[in-house]
Amino acid sequence: MQKFVVEFFEREDGSYPAEQFILSQDTKMRAKIFRLIELLEWQGNELREPYSKALGDGILEIRAQQGANITRVLYFFVIGRKIILTNGFVKKTQKTPQGEIDIAKKYRDEYINISTEGR
């Protein structure tokens, strides 16, 4: 079975929002998120709840919980078995905040524009 390639979205300023978010978490949460990313590499679009959930319009989230702390990292698929991690947040409400989904969509649009222009 061919693995998916998981990459972090890179902003124009050279920063990686999803990676920065993950690295800002405590050791246990970081380990959980990296384990989920590994699962995502192997299962890709077959990964389902409780590990992954579609949020609509091609944006999905991986879901990590460590004790009372819940984090989400948003991502999208690119043709050619590629997954781009866009941004992450600590979950404080039932629903994923629309603002986080909007950020993921914005980054996806930037990624697509950069890819089609060919850096």
PDB file of N, CA and C in Angstrom:
ATOM      1  N   MET A   1       0.840  -1.201   0.000  1.00  0.00           N
ATOM      2  CA  MET A   1       0.000   0.000   0.000  1.00  0.00           C
ATOM      3  C   MET A   1       0.880   1.257   0.000  1.00  0.00           C
ATOM      4  N   GLN A   2       0.603   2.143  -0.901  1.00  0.00           N
ATOM      5  CA  GLN A   2       1.399   3.369  -1.005  1.00  0.00           C
ATOM      6  C   GLN A   2       0.946   4.389   0.033  1.00  0.00           C
ATOM      7  N   LYS A   3       1.933   4.953   0.735  1.00  0.00           N
ATOM      8  CA  LYS A   3       1.630   5.967   1.743  1.00  0.00           C
ATOM      9  C   LYS A   3       1.285   7.299   1.087  1.00  0.00           C
ATOM     10  N   PHE A   4       0.563   8.106   1.837  1.00  0.00           N
ATOM     11  CA  PHE A   4       0.322   9.497   1.443  1.00  0.00           C
ATOM     12  C   PHE A   4       1.519  10.315   1.918  1.00  0.00           C
ATOM     13  N   VAL A   5       1.770  11.426   1.271  1.00  0.00           N
ATOM     14  CA  VAL A   5       2.822  12.341   1.698  1.00  0.00           C
ATOM     15  C   VAL A   5       2.137  13.473   2.453  1.00  0.00           C
ATOM     16  N   VAL A   6       2.550  13.692   3.697  1.00  0.00           N
ATOM     17  CA  VAL A   6       1.982  14.762   4.510  1.00  0.00           C
ATOM     18  C   VAL A   6       2.993  15.895   4.595  1.00  0.00           C
ATOM     19  N   GLU A   7       2.555  17.097   4.242  1.00  0.00           N
ATOM     20  CA  GLU A   7       3.432  18.268   4.297  1.00  0.00           C
ATOM     21  C   GLU A   7       2.750  19.383   5.075  1.00  0.00           C
ATOM     22  N   PHE A   8       3.568  20.288   5.602  1.00  0.00           N
ATOM     23  CA  PHE A   8       3.040  21.472   6.268  1.00  0.00           C
ATOM     24  C   PHE A   8       2.902  22.589   5.246  1.00  0.00           C
ATOM     25  N   PHE A   9       1.788  23.309   5.312  1.00  0.00           N
ATOM     26  CA  PHE A   9       1.604  24.486   4.449  1.00  0.00           C
ATOM     27  C   PHE A   9       2.631  25.535   4.844  1.00  0.00           C
ATOM     28  N   GLU A  10       3.282  26.125   3.841  1.00  0.00           N
ATOM     29  CA  GLU A  10       4.254  27.190   4.089  1.00  0.00           C
ATOM     30  C   GLU A  10       3.688  28.520   3.632  1.00  0.00           C
ATOM     31  N   ARG A  11       3.646  29.477   4.562  1.00  0.00           N
ATOM     32  CA  ARG A  11       3.170  30.828   4.222  1.00  0.00           C
ATOM     33  C   ARG A  11       4.254  31.580   3.465  1.00  0.00           C
ATOM     34  N   GLU A  12       3.853  32.685   2.860  1.00  0.00           N
ATOM     35  CA  GLU A  12       4.810  33.482   2.085  1.00  0.00           C
ATOM     36  C   GLU A  12       5.995  33.941   2.922  1.00  0.00           C
ATOM     37  N   ASP A  13       5.765  34.151   4.218  1.00  0.00           N
ATOM     38  CA  ASP A  13       6.857  34.618   5.090  1.00  0.00           C
ATOM     39  C   ASP A  13       7.771  33.478   5.554  1.00  0.00           C
ATOM     40  N   GLY A  14       7.504  32.269   5.052  1.00  0.00           N
ATOM     41  CA  GLY A  14       8.351  31.128   5.398  1.00  0.00           C
ATOM     42  C   GLY A  14       7.926  30.393   6.659  1.00  0.00           C
ATOM     43  N   SER A  15       6.835  30.814   7.271  1.00  0.00           N
ATOM     44  CA  SER A  15       6.365  30.142   8.492  1.00  0.00           C
ATOM     45  C   SER A  15       5.437  28.980   8.134  1.00  0.00           C
ATOM     46  N   TYR A  16       5.318  28.052   9.068  1.00  0.00           N
ATOM     47  CA  TYR A  16       4.487  26.862   8.903  1.00  0.00           C
ATOM     48  C   TYR A  16       3.479  26.828  10.055  1.00  0.00           C
ATOM     49  N   PRO A  17       2.283  27.392   9.847  1.00  0.00           N
ATOM     50  CA  PRO A  17       1.316  27.520  10.962  1.00  0.00           C
ATOM     51  C   PRO A  17       0.975  26.213  11.667  1.00  0.00           C
ATOM     52  N   ALA A  18       0.722  25.132  10.923  1.00  0.00           N
ATOM     53  CA  ALA A  18       0.343  23.863  11.560  1.00  0.00           C
ATOM     54  C   ALA A  18       1.506  23.305  12.377  1.00  0.00           C
ATOM     55  N   GLU A  19       2.698  23.364  11.801  1.00  0.00           N
ATOM     56  CA  GLU A  19       3.875  22.849  12.509  1.00  0.00           C
ATOM     57  C   GLU A  19       4.126  23.667  13.778  1.00  0.00           C
ATOM     58  N   GLN A  20       4.032  24.994  13.676  1.00  0.00           N
ATOM     59  CA  GLN A  20       4.243  25.847  14.844  1.00  0.00           C
ATOM     60  C   GLN A  20       3.224  25.524  15.931  1.00  0.00           C
ATOM     61  N   PHE A  21       1.974  25.299  15.522  1.00  0.00           N
ATOM     62  CA  PHE A  21       0.935  24.949  16.492  1.00  0.00           C
ATOM     63  C   PHE A  21       1.282  23.636  17.196  1.00  0.00           C
ATOM     64  N   ILE A  22       1.631  22.618  16.417  1.00  0.00           N
ATOM     65  CA  ILE A  22       1.928  21.299  16.995  1.00  0.00           C
ATOM     66  C   ILE A  22       3.107  21.399  17.964  1.00  0.00           C
ATOM     67  N   LEU A  23       4.156  22.099  17.553  1.00  0.00           N
ATOM     68  CA  LEU A  23       5.344  22.210  18.403  1.00  0.00           C
ATOM     69  C   LEU A  23       5.091  23.033  19.667  1.00  0.00           C
ATOM     70  N   SER A  24       4.016  23.830  19.679  1.00  0.00           N
ATOM     71  CA  SER A  24       3.696  24.629  20.859  1.00  0.00           C
ATOM     72  C   SER A  24       2.932  23.818  21.911  1.00  0.00           C
ATOM     73  N   GLN A  25       2.526  22.603  21.563  1.00  0.00           N
ATOM     74  CA  GLN A  25       1.767  21.761  22.493  1.00  0.00           C
ATOM     75  C   GLN A  25       2.716  21.042  23.450  1.00  0.00           C
ATOM     76  N   ASP A  26       2.161  20.538  24.577  1.00  0.00           N
ATOM     77  CA  ASP A  26       3.013  19.802  25.513  1.00  0.00           C
ATOM     78  C   ASP A  26       3.421  18.461  24.888  1.00  0.00           C
ATOM     79  N   THR A  27       4.387  17.806  25.523  1.00  0.00           N
ATOM     80  CA  THR A  27       5.002  16.600  24.966  1.00  0.00           C
ATOM     81  C   THR A  27       3.984  15.515  24.639  1.00  0.00           C
ATOM     82  N   LYS A  28       3.061  15.245  25.552  1.00  0.00           N
ATOM     83  CA  LYS A  28       2.088  14.164  25.324  1.00  0.00           C
ATOM     84  C   LYS A  28       1.161  14.483  24.154  1.00  0.00           C
ATOM     85  N   MET A  29       0.685  15.730  24.093  1.00  0.00           N
ATOM     86  CA  MET A  29      -0.208  16.122  23.008  1.00  0.00           C
ATOM     87  C   MET A  29       0.534  16.072  21.672  1.00  0.00           C
ATOM     88  N   ARG A  30       1.772  16.573  21.678  1.00  0.00           N
ATOM     89  CA  ARG A  30       2.592  16.535  20.457  1.00  0.00           C
ATOM     90  C   ARG A  30       2.727  15.103  19.953  1.00  0.00           C
ATOM     91  N   ALA A  31       3.026  14.181  20.870  1.00  0.00           N
ATOM     92  CA  ALA A  31       3.190  12.768  20.511  1.00  0.00           C
ATOM     93  C   ALA A  31       1.899  12.226  19.907  1.00  0.00           C
ATOM     94  N   LYS A  32       0.773  12.569  20.508  1.00  0.00           N
ATOM     95  CA  LYS A  32      -0.524  12.107  19.978  1.00  0.00           C
ATOM     96  C   LYS A  32      -0.756  12.632  18.568  1.00  0.00           C
ATOM     97  N   ILE A  33      -0.492  13.922  18.369  1.00  0.00           N
ATOM     98  CA  ILE A  33      -0.719  14.523  17.049  1.00  0.00           C
ATOM     99  C   ILE A  33       0.199  13.870  16.010  1.00  0.00           C
ATOM    100  N   PHE A  34       1.472  13.680  16.355  1.00  0.00           N
ATOM    101  CA  PHE A  34       2.396  13.062  15.391  1.00  0.00           C
ATOM    102  C   PHE A  34       1.992  11.622  15.083  1.00  0.00           C
ATOM    103  N   ARG A  35       1.445  10.918  16.063  1.00  0.00           N
ATOM    104  CA  ARG A  35       0.952   9.555  15.827  1.00  0.00           C
ATOM    105  C   ARG A  35      -0.235   9.584  14.866  1.00  0.00           C
ATOM    106  N   LEU A  36      -1.105  10.578  15.042  1.00  0.00           N
ATOM    107  CA  LEU A  36      -2.249  10.721  14.135  1.00  0.00           C
ATOM    108  C   LEU A  36      -1.800  11.067  12.714  1.00  0.00           C
ATOM    109  N   ILE A  37      -0.767  11.900  12.607  1.00  0.00           N
ATOM    110  CA  ILE A  37      -0.249  12.259  11.281  1.00  0.00           C
ATOM    111  C   ILE A  37       0.297  10.999  10.595  1.00  0.00           C
ATOM    112  N   GLU A  38       0.956  10.142  11.372  1.00  0.00           N
ATOM    113  CA  GLU A  38       1.466   8.878  10.835  1.00  0.00           C
ATOM    114  C   GLU A  38       0.319   8.000  10.332  1.00  0.00           C
ATOM    115  N   LEU A  39      -0.755   7.940  11.120  1.00  0.00           N
ATOM    116  CA  LEU A  39      -1.950   7.189  10.732  1.00  0.00           C
ATOM    117  C   LEU A  39      -2.522   7.767   9.435  1.00  0.00           C
ATOM    118  N   LEU A  40      -2.540   9.083   9.351  1.00  0.00           N
ATOM    119  CA  LEU A  40      -3.041   9.779   8.163  1.00  0.00           C
ATOM    120  C   LEU A  40      -2.194   9.431   6.934  1.00  0.00           C
ATOM    121  N   GLU A  41      -0.871   9.332   7.119  1.00  0.00           N
ATOM    122  CA  GLU A  41       0.012   8.956   6.007  1.00  0.00           C
ATOM    123  C   GLU A  41      -0.366   7.586   5.449  1.00  0.00           C
ATOM    124  N   TRP A  42      -0.709   6.663   6.337  1.00  0.00           N
ATOM    125  CA  TRP A  42      -1.027   5.302   5.907  1.00  0.00           C
ATOM    126  C   TRP A  42      -2.453   5.166   5.400  1.00  0.00           C
ATOM    127  N   GLN A  43      -3.398   5.839   6.048  1.00  0.00           N
ATOM    128  CA  GLN A  43      -4.808   5.624   5.708  1.00  0.00           C
ATOM    129  C   GLN A  43      -5.402   6.707   4.824  1.00  0.00           C
ATOM    130  N   GLY A  44      -4.816   7.902   4.842  1.00  0.00           N
ATOM    131  CA  GLY A  44      -5.273   8.978   3.962  1.00  0.00           C
ATOM    132  C   GLY A  44      -6.762   9.204   4.031  1.00  0.00           C
ATOM    133  N   ASN A  45      -7.414   9.146   2.873  1.00  0.00           N
ATOM    134  CA  ASN A  45      -8.853   9.424   2.816  1.00  0.00           C
ATOM    135  C   ASN A  45      -9.705   8.307   3.415  1.00  0.00           C
ATOM    136  N   GLU A  46      -9.096   7.228   3.877  1.00  0.00           N
ATOM    137  CA  GLU A  46      -9.837   6.157   4.555  1.00  0.00           C
ATOM    138  C   GLU A  46      -9.934   6.409   6.058  1.00  0.00           C
ATOM    139  N   LEU A  47      -9.154   7.360   6.560  1.00  0.00           N
ATOM    140  CA  LEU A  47      -9.143   7.650   7.998  1.00  0.00           C
ATOM    141  C   LEU A  47     -10.461   8.333   8.385  1.00  0.00           C
ATOM    142  N   ARG A  48     -11.130   7.788   9.387  1.00  0.00           N
ATOM    143  CA  ARG A  48     -12.441   8.289   9.803  1.00  0.00           C
ATOM    144  C   ARG A  48     -12.447   8.640  11.286  1.00  0.00           C
ATOM    145  N   GLU A  49     -13.638   9.062  11.748  1.00  0.00           N
ATOM    146  CA  GLU A  49     -13.809   9.352  13.174  1.00  0.00           C
ATOM    147  C   GLU A  49     -13.494   8.091  13.972  1.00  0.00           C
ATOM    148  N   PRO A  50     -12.918   8.213  15.140  1.00  0.00           N
ATOM    149  CA  PRO A  50     -12.720   9.443  15.907  1.00  0.00           C
ATOM    150  C   PRO A  50     -11.430  10.198  15.564  1.00  0.00           C
ATOM    151  N   TYR A  51     -10.640   9.686  14.610  1.00  0.00           N
ATOM    152  CA  TYR A  51      -9.332  10.295  14.322  1.00  0.00           C
ATOM    153  C   TYR A  51      -9.413  11.472  13.361  1.00  0.00           C
ATOM    154  N   SER A  52     -10.336  11.414  12.443  1.00  0.00           N
ATOM    155  CA  SER A  52     -10.433  12.432  11.400  1.00  0.00           C
ATOM    156  C   SER A  52     -11.897  12.716  11.109  1.00  0.00           C
ATOM    157  N   LYS A  53     -12.166  13.958  10.710  1.00  0.00           N
ATOM    158  CA  LYS A  53     -13.548  14.321  10.387  1.00  0.00           C
ATOM    159  C   LYS A  53     -13.542  15.355   9.267  1.00  0.00           C
ATOM    160  N   ALA A  54     -14.451  15.158   8.314  1.00  0.00           N
ATOM    161  CA  ALA A  54     -14.606  16.133   7.227  1.00  0.00           C
ATOM    162  C   ALA A  54     -15.403  17.319   7.757  1.00  0.00           C
ATOM    163  N   LEU A  55     -14.938  18.528   7.430  1.00  0.00           N
ATOM    164  CA  LEU A  55     -15.608  19.741   7.895  1.00  0.00           C
ATOM    165  C   LEU A  55     -16.371  20.429   6.771  1.00  0.00           C
ATOM    166  N   GLY A  56     -16.279  19.897   5.571  1.00  0.00           N
ATOM    167  CA  GLY A  56     -16.969  20.492   4.433  1.00  0.00           C
ATOM    168  C   GLY A  56     -16.030  21.221   3.499  1.00  0.00           C
ATOM    169  N   ASP A  57     -16.388  21.275   2.245  1.00  0.00           N
ATOM    170  CA  ASP A  57     -15.635  21.983   1.212  1.00  0.00           C
ATOM    171  C   ASP A  57     -14.179  21.509   1.127  1.00  0.00           C
ATOM    172  N   GLY A  58     -13.969  20.208   1.338  1.00  0.00           N
ATOM    173  CA  GLY A  58     -12.629  19.642   1.175  1.00  0.00           C
ATOM    174  C   GLY A  58     -11.671  19.866   2.334  1.00  0.00           C
ATOM    175  N   ILE A  59     -12.142  20.477   3.408  1.00  0.00           N
ATOM    176  CA  ILE A  59     -11.304  20.683   4.598  1.00  0.00           C
ATOM    177  C   ILE A  59     -11.649  19.597   5.618  1.00  0.00           C
ATOM    178  N   LEU A  60     -10.607  18.989   6.183  1.00  0.00           N
ATOM    179  CA  LEU A  60     -10.787  17.945   7.184  1.00  0.00           C
ATOM    180  C   LEU A  60      -9.953  18.289   8.402  1.00  0.00           C
ATOM    181  N   GLU A  61     -10.170  17.544   9.500  1.00  0.00           N
ATOM    182  CA  GLU A  61      -9.386  17.770  10.708  1.00  0.00           C
ATOM    183  C   GLU A  61      -8.946  16.438  11.288  1.00  0.00           C
ATOM    184  N   ILE A  62      -7.729  16.425  11.855  1.00  0.00           N
ATOM    185  CA  ILE A  62      -7.345  15.299  12.699  1.00  0.00           C
ATOM    186  C   ILE A  62      -7.594  15.741  14.128  1.00  0.00           C
ATOM    187  N   ARG A  63      -8.028  14.776  14.945  1.00  0.00           N
ATOM    188  CA  ARG A  63      -8.561  15.083  16.266  1.00  0.00           C
ATOM    189  C   ARG A  63      -7.745  14.382  17.345  1.00  0.00           C
ATOM    190  N   ALA A  64      -7.124  15.178  18.197  1.00  0.00           N
ATOM    191  CA  ALA A  64      -6.318  14.611  19.284  1.00  0.00           C
ATOM    192  C   ALA A  64      -6.868  15.066  20.623  1.00  0.00           C
ATOM    193  N   GLN A  65      -6.858  14.133  21.586  1.00  0.00           N
ATOM    194  CA  GLN A  65      -7.306  14.476  22.935  1.00  0.00           C
ATOM    195  C   GLN A  65      -6.322  13.904  23.932  1.00  0.00           C
ATOM    196  N   GLN A  66      -5.925  14.734  24.874  1.00  0.00           N
ATOM    197  CA  GLN A  66      -5.014  14.323  25.943  1.00  0.00           C
ATOM    198  C   GLN A  66      -5.617  14.849  27.234  1.00  0.00           C
ATOM    199  N   GLY A  67      -6.213  13.964  28.024  1.00  0.00           N
ATOM    200  CA  GLY A  67      -6.911  14.399  29.225  1.00  0.00           C
ATOM    201  C   GLY A  67      -8.063  15.302  28.828  1.00  0.00           C
ATOM    202  N   ALA A  68      -8.116  16.500  29.424  1.00  0.00           N
ATOM    203  CA  ALA A  68      -9.202  17.444  29.116  1.00  0.00           C
ATOM    204  C   ALA A  68      -8.870  18.316  27.896  1.00  0.00           C
ATOM    205  N   ASN A  69      -7.631  18.243  27.417  1.00  0.00           N
ATOM    206  CA  ASN A  69      -7.227  19.072  26.278  1.00  0.00           C
ATOM    207  C   ASN A  69      -7.560  18.403  24.962  1.00  0.00           C
ATOM    208  N   ILE A  70      -8.167  19.174  24.082  1.00  0.00           N
ATOM    209  CA  ILE A  70      -8.549  18.676  22.763  1.00  0.00           C
ATOM    210  C   ILE A  70      -7.940  19.610  21.725  1.00  0.00           C
ATOM    211  N   THR A  71      -7.236  19.030  20.766  1.00  0.00           N
ATOM    212  CA  THR A  71      -6.677  19.849  19.686  1.00  0.00           C
ATOM    213  C   THR A  71      -7.149  19.314  18.345  1.00  0.00           C
ATOM    214  N   ARG A  72      -7.104  20.202  17.370  1.00  0.00           N
ATOM    215  CA  ARG A  72      -7.460  19.847  16.000  1.00  0.00           C
ATOM    216  C   ARG A  72      -6.395  20.422  15.079  1.00  0.00           C
ATOM    217  N   VAL A  73      -6.041  19.670  14.048  1.00  0.00           N
ATOM    218  CA  VAL A  73      -5.161  20.167  12.994  1.00  0.00           C
ATOM    219  C   VAL A  73      -5.919  19.974  11.681  1.00  0.00           C
ATOM    220  N   LEU A  74      -6.086  21.069  10.947  1.00  0.00           N
ATOM    221  CA  LEU A  74      -6.858  21.029   9.711  1.00  0.00           C
ATOM    222  C   LEU A  74      -5.963  20.716   8.520  1.00  0.00           C
ATOM    223  N   TYR A  75      -6.567  20.081   7.509  1.00  0.00           N
ATOM    224  CA  TYR A  75      -5.797  19.683   6.328  1.00  0.00           C
ATOM    225  C   TYR A  75      -6.693  19.530   5.120  1.00  0.00           C
ATOM    226  N   PHE A  76      -6.049  19.384   3.962  1.00  0.00           N
ATOM    227  CA  PHE A  76      -6.759  19.090   2.716  1.00  0.00           C
ATOM    228  C   PHE A  76      -5.898  18.169   1.869  1.00  0.00           C
ATOM    229  N   PHE A  77      -6.542  17.527   0.904  1.00  0.00           N
ATOM    230  CA  PHE A  77      -5.853  16.610   0.002  1.00  0.00           C
ATOM    231  C   PHE A  77      -5.485  17.314  -1.292  1.00  0.00           C
ATOM    232  N   VAL A  78      -4.354  16.902  -1.860  1.00  0.00           N
ATOM    233  CA  VAL A  78      -3.916  17.382  -3.161  1.00  0.00           C
ATOM    234  C   VAL A  78      -3.783  16.147  -4.042  1.00  0.00           C
ATOM    235  N   ILE A  79      -4.111  16.278  -5.324  1.00  0.00           N
ATOM    236  CA  ILE A  79      -3.991  15.159  -6.252  1.00  0.00           C
ATOM    237  C   ILE A  79      -2.575  14.614  -6.196  1.00  0.00           C
ATOM    238  N   GLY A  80      -2.455  13.301  -6.214  1.00  0.00           N
ATOM    239  CA  GLY A  80      -1.143  12.671  -6.151  1.00  0.00           C
ATOM    240  C   GLY A  80      -0.796  12.194  -4.753  1.00  0.00           C
ATOM    241  N   ARG A  81      -1.795  11.794  -3.972  1.00  0.00           N
ATOM    242  CA  ARG A  81      -1.592  11.234  -2.631  1.00  0.00           C
ATOM    243  C   ARG A  81      -0.823  12.170  -1.704  1.00  0.00           C
ATOM    244  N   LYS A  82      -1.184  13.445  -1.754  1.00  0.00           N
ATOM    245  CA  LYS A  82      -0.517  14.429  -0.902  1.00  0.00           C
ATOM    246  C   LYS A  82      -1.548  15.066   0.023  1.00  0.00           C
ATOM    247  N   ILE A  83      -1.120  15.309   1.262  1.00  0.00           N
ATOM    248  CA  ILE A  83      -1.965  15.943   2.279  1.00  0.00           C
ATOM    249  C   ILE A  83      -1.212  17.157   2.800  1.00  0.00           C
ATOM    250  N   ILE A  84      -1.913  18.291   2.869  1.00  0.00           N
ATOM    251  CA  ILE A  84      -1.298  19.520   3.363  1.00  0.00           C
ATOM    252  C   ILE A  84      -1.959  19.906   4.691  1.00  0.00           C
ATOM    253  N   LEU A  85      -1.152  19.976   5.750  1.00  0.00           N
ATOM    254  CA  LEU A  85      -1.635  20.420   7.058  1.00  0.00           C
ATOM    255  C   LEU A  85      -1.580  21.941   7.084  1.00  0.00           C
ATOM    256  N   THR A  86      -2.713  22.575   7.397  1.00  0.00           N
ATOM    257  CA  THR A  86      -2.784  24.027   7.279  1.00  0.00           C
ATOM    258  C   THR A  86      -2.612  24.768   8.600  1.00  0.00           C
ATOM    259  N   ASN A  87      -3.416  24.446   9.588  1.00  0.00           N
ATOM    260  CA  ASN A  87      -3.419  25.182  10.848  1.00  0.00           C
ATOM    261  C   ASN A  87      -3.997  24.295  11.945  1.00  0.00           C
ATOM    262  N   GLY A  88      -3.781  24.714  13.178  1.00  0.00           N
ATOM    263  CA  GLY A  88      -4.285  23.937  14.300  1.00  0.00           C
ATOM    264  C   GLY A  88      -4.793  24.857  15.391  1.00  0.00           C
ATOM    265  N   PHE A  89      -5.563  24.290  16.296  1.00  0.00           N
ATOM    266  CA  PHE A  89      -6.091  25.083  17.409  1.00  0.00           C
ATOM    267  C   PHE A  89      -6.484  24.165  18.556  1.00  0.00           C
ATOM    268  N   VAL A  90      -6.589  24.761  19.743  1.00  0.00           N
ATOM    269  CA  VAL A  90      -7.080  24.048  20.912  1.00  0.00           C
ATOM    270  C   VAL A  90      -8.585  24.227  20.918  1.00  0.00           C
ATOM    271  N   LYS A  91      -9.289  23.106  21.031  1.00  0.00           N
ATOM    272  CA  LYS A  91     -10.748  23.141  20.932  1.00  0.00           C
ATOM    273  C   LYS A  91     -11.362  23.517  22.274  1.00  0.00           C
ATOM    274  N   LYS A  92     -12.204  24.547  22.254  1.00  0.00           N
ATOM    275  CA  LYS A  92     -12.857  25.003  23.485  1.00  0.00           C
ATOM    276  C   LYS A  92     -14.377  24.963  23.375  1.00  0.00           C
ATOM    277  N   THR A  93     -14.901  24.733  22.167  1.00  0.00           N
ATOM    278  CA  THR A  93     -16.352  24.709  21.961  1.00  0.00           C
ATOM    279  C   THR A  93     -16.735  23.407  21.268  1.00  0.00           C
ATOM    280  N   GLN A  94     -18.028  23.120  21.236  1.00  0.00           N
ATOM    281  CA  GLN A  94     -18.526  21.906  20.574  1.00  0.00           C
ATOM    282  C   GLN A  94     -18.128  21.869  19.109  1.00  0.00           C
ATOM    283  N   LYS A  95     -18.377  22.989  18.435  1.00  0.00           N
ATOM    284  CA  LYS A  95     -18.166  23.059  16.996  1.00  0.00           C
ATOM    285  C   LYS A  95     -16.805  23.654  16.670  1.00  0.00           C
ATOM    286  N   THR A  96     -16.224  23.178  15.567  1.00  0.00           N
ATOM    287  CA  THR A  96     -14.976  23.784  15.093  1.00  0.00           C
ATOM    288  C   THR A  96     -15.282  25.223  14.678  1.00  0.00           C
ATOM    289  N   PRO A  97     -14.551  26.204  15.215  1.00  0.00           N
ATOM    290  CA  PRO A  97     -14.834  27.606  14.867  1.00  0.00           C
ATOM    291  C   PRO A  97     -14.713  27.856  13.360  1.00  0.00           C
ATOM    292  N   GLN A  98     -15.689  28.564  12.804  1.00  0.00           N
ATOM    293  CA  GLN A  98     -15.691  28.871  11.380  1.00  0.00           C
ATOM    294  C   GLN A  98     -14.421  29.601  10.964  1.00  0.00           C
ATOM    295  N   GLY A  99     -13.907  30.443  11.854  1.00  0.00           N
ATOM    296  CA  GLY A  99     -12.684  31.191  11.561  1.00  0.00           C
ATOM    297  C   GLY A  99     -11.508  30.272  11.254  1.00  0.00           C
ATOM    298  N   GLU A 100     -11.409  29.146  11.977  1.00  0.00           N
ATOM    299  CA  GLU A 100     -10.320  28.180  11.738  1.00  0.00           C
ATOM    300  C   GLU A 100     -10.499  27.509  10.379  1.00  0.00           C
ATOM    301  N   ILE A 101     -11.742  27.174  10.036  1.00  0.00           N
ATOM    302  CA  ILE A 101     -12.024  26.566   8.728  1.00  0.00           C
ATOM    303  C   ILE A 101     -11.701  27.564   7.619  1.00  0.00           C
ATOM    304  N   ASP A 102     -12.048  28.833   7.841  1.00  0.00           N
ATOM    305  CA  ASP A 102     -11.762  29.878   6.844  1.00  0.00           C
ATOM    306  C   ASP A 102     -10.259  30.034   6.630  1.00  0.00           C
ATOM    307  N   ILE A 103      -9.477  29.946   7.705  1.00  0.00           N
ATOM    308  CA  ILE A 103      -8.013  30.034   7.585  1.00  0.00           C
ATOM    309  C   ILE A 103      -7.508  28.867   6.725  1.00  0.00           C
ATOM    310  N   ALA A 104      -8.018  27.661   7.006  1.00  0.00           N
ATOM    311  CA  ALA A 104      -7.595  26.483   6.231  1.00  0.00           C
ATOM    312  C   ALA A 104      -7.917  26.665   4.752  1.00  0.00           C
ATOM    313  N   LYS A 105      -9.108  27.208   4.454  1.00  0.00           N
ATOM    314  CA  LYS A 105      -9.503  27.439   3.055  1.00  0.00           C
ATOM    315  C   LYS A 105      -8.598  28.480   2.400  1.00  0.00           C
ATOM    316  N   LYS A 106      -8.279  29.527   3.155  1.00  0.00           N
ATOM    317  CA  LYS A 106      -7.398  30.589   2.641  1.00  0.00           C
ATOM    318  C   LYS A 106      -6.029  30.005   2.305  1.00  0.00           C
ATOM    319  N   TYR A 107      -5.483  29.195   3.214  1.00  0.00           N
ATOM    320  CA  TYR A 107      -4.180  28.577   2.974  1.00  0.00           C
ATOM    321  C   TYR A 107      -4.248  27.616   1.787  1.00  0.00           C
ATOM    322  N   ARG A 108      -5.363  26.884   1.678  1.00  0.00           N
ATOM    323  CA  ARG A 108      -5.512  25.972   0.530  1.00  0.00           C
ATOM    324  C   ARG A 108      -5.495  26.771  -0.773  1.00  0.00           C
ATOM    325  N   ASP A 109      -6.233  27.888  -0.807  1.00  0.00           N
ATOM    326  CA  ASP A 109      -6.255  28.726  -2.013  1.00  0.00           C
ATOM    327  C   ASP A 109      -4.853  29.236  -2.337  1.00  0.00           C
ATOM    328  N   GLU A 110      -4.126  29.688  -1.308  1.00  0.00           N
ATOM    329  CA  GLU A 110      -2.757  30.158  -1.518  1.00  0.00           C
ATOM    330  C   GLU A 110      -1.882  29.028  -2.058  1.00  0.00           C
ATOM    331  N   TYR A 111      -2.033  27.839  -1.480  1.00  0.00           N
ATOM    332  CA  TYR A 111      -1.245  26.681  -1.904  1.00  0.00           C
ATOM    333  C   TYR A 111      -1.508  26.365  -3.376  1.00  0.00           C
ATOM    334  N   ILE A 112      -2.783  26.349  -3.738  1.00  0.00           N
ATOM    335  CA  ILE A 112      -3.160  26.038  -5.125  1.00  0.00           C
ATOM    336  C   ILE A 112      -2.628  27.107  -6.071  1.00  0.00           C
ATOM    337  N   ASN A 113      -2.750  28.373  -5.704  1.00  0.00           N
ATOM    338  CA  ASN A 113      -2.245  29.454  -6.542  1.00  0.00           C
ATOM    339  C   ASN A 113      -0.733  29.360  -6.734  1.00  0.00           C
ATOM    340  N   ILE A 114      -0.015  29.080  -5.654  1.00  0.00           N
ATOM    341  CA  ILE A 114       1.441  28.955  -5.738  1.00  0.00           C
ATOM    342  C   ILE A 114       1.811  27.745  -6.594  1.00  0.00           C
ATOM    343  N   SER A 115       1.081  26.630  -6.398  1.00  0.00           N
ATOM    344  CA  SER A 115       1.376  25.402  -7.146  1.00  0.00           C
ATOM    345  C   SER A 115       1.149  25.595  -8.640  1.00  0.00           C
ATOM    346  N   THR A 116       0.075  26.308  -8.998  1.00  0.00           N
ATOM    347  CA  THR A 116      -0.228  26.483 -10.416  1.00  0.00           C
ATOM    348  C   THR A 116       0.718  27.502 -11.066  1.00  0.00           C
ATOM    349  N   GLU A 117       1.242  28.419 -10.244  1.00  0.00           N
ATOM    350  CA  GLU A 117       2.214  29.376 -10.787  1.00  0.00           C
ATOM    351  C   GLU A 117       3.581  28.727 -10.914  1.00  0.00           C
ATOM    352  N   GLY A 118       3.791  27.650 -10.137  1.00  0.00           N
ATOM    353  CA  GLY A 118       5.066  26.941 -10.162  1.00  0.00           C
ATOM    354  C   GLY A 118       6.185  27.789  -9.587  1.00  0.00           C
ATOM    355  N   ARG A 119       6.402  27.645  -8.296  1.00  0.00           N
ATOM    356  CA  ARG A 119       7.416  28.426  -7.571  1.00  0.00           C
ATOM    357  C   ARG A 119       8.765  28.364  -8.212  1.00  0.00           C
TER     358      ARG A 119
END
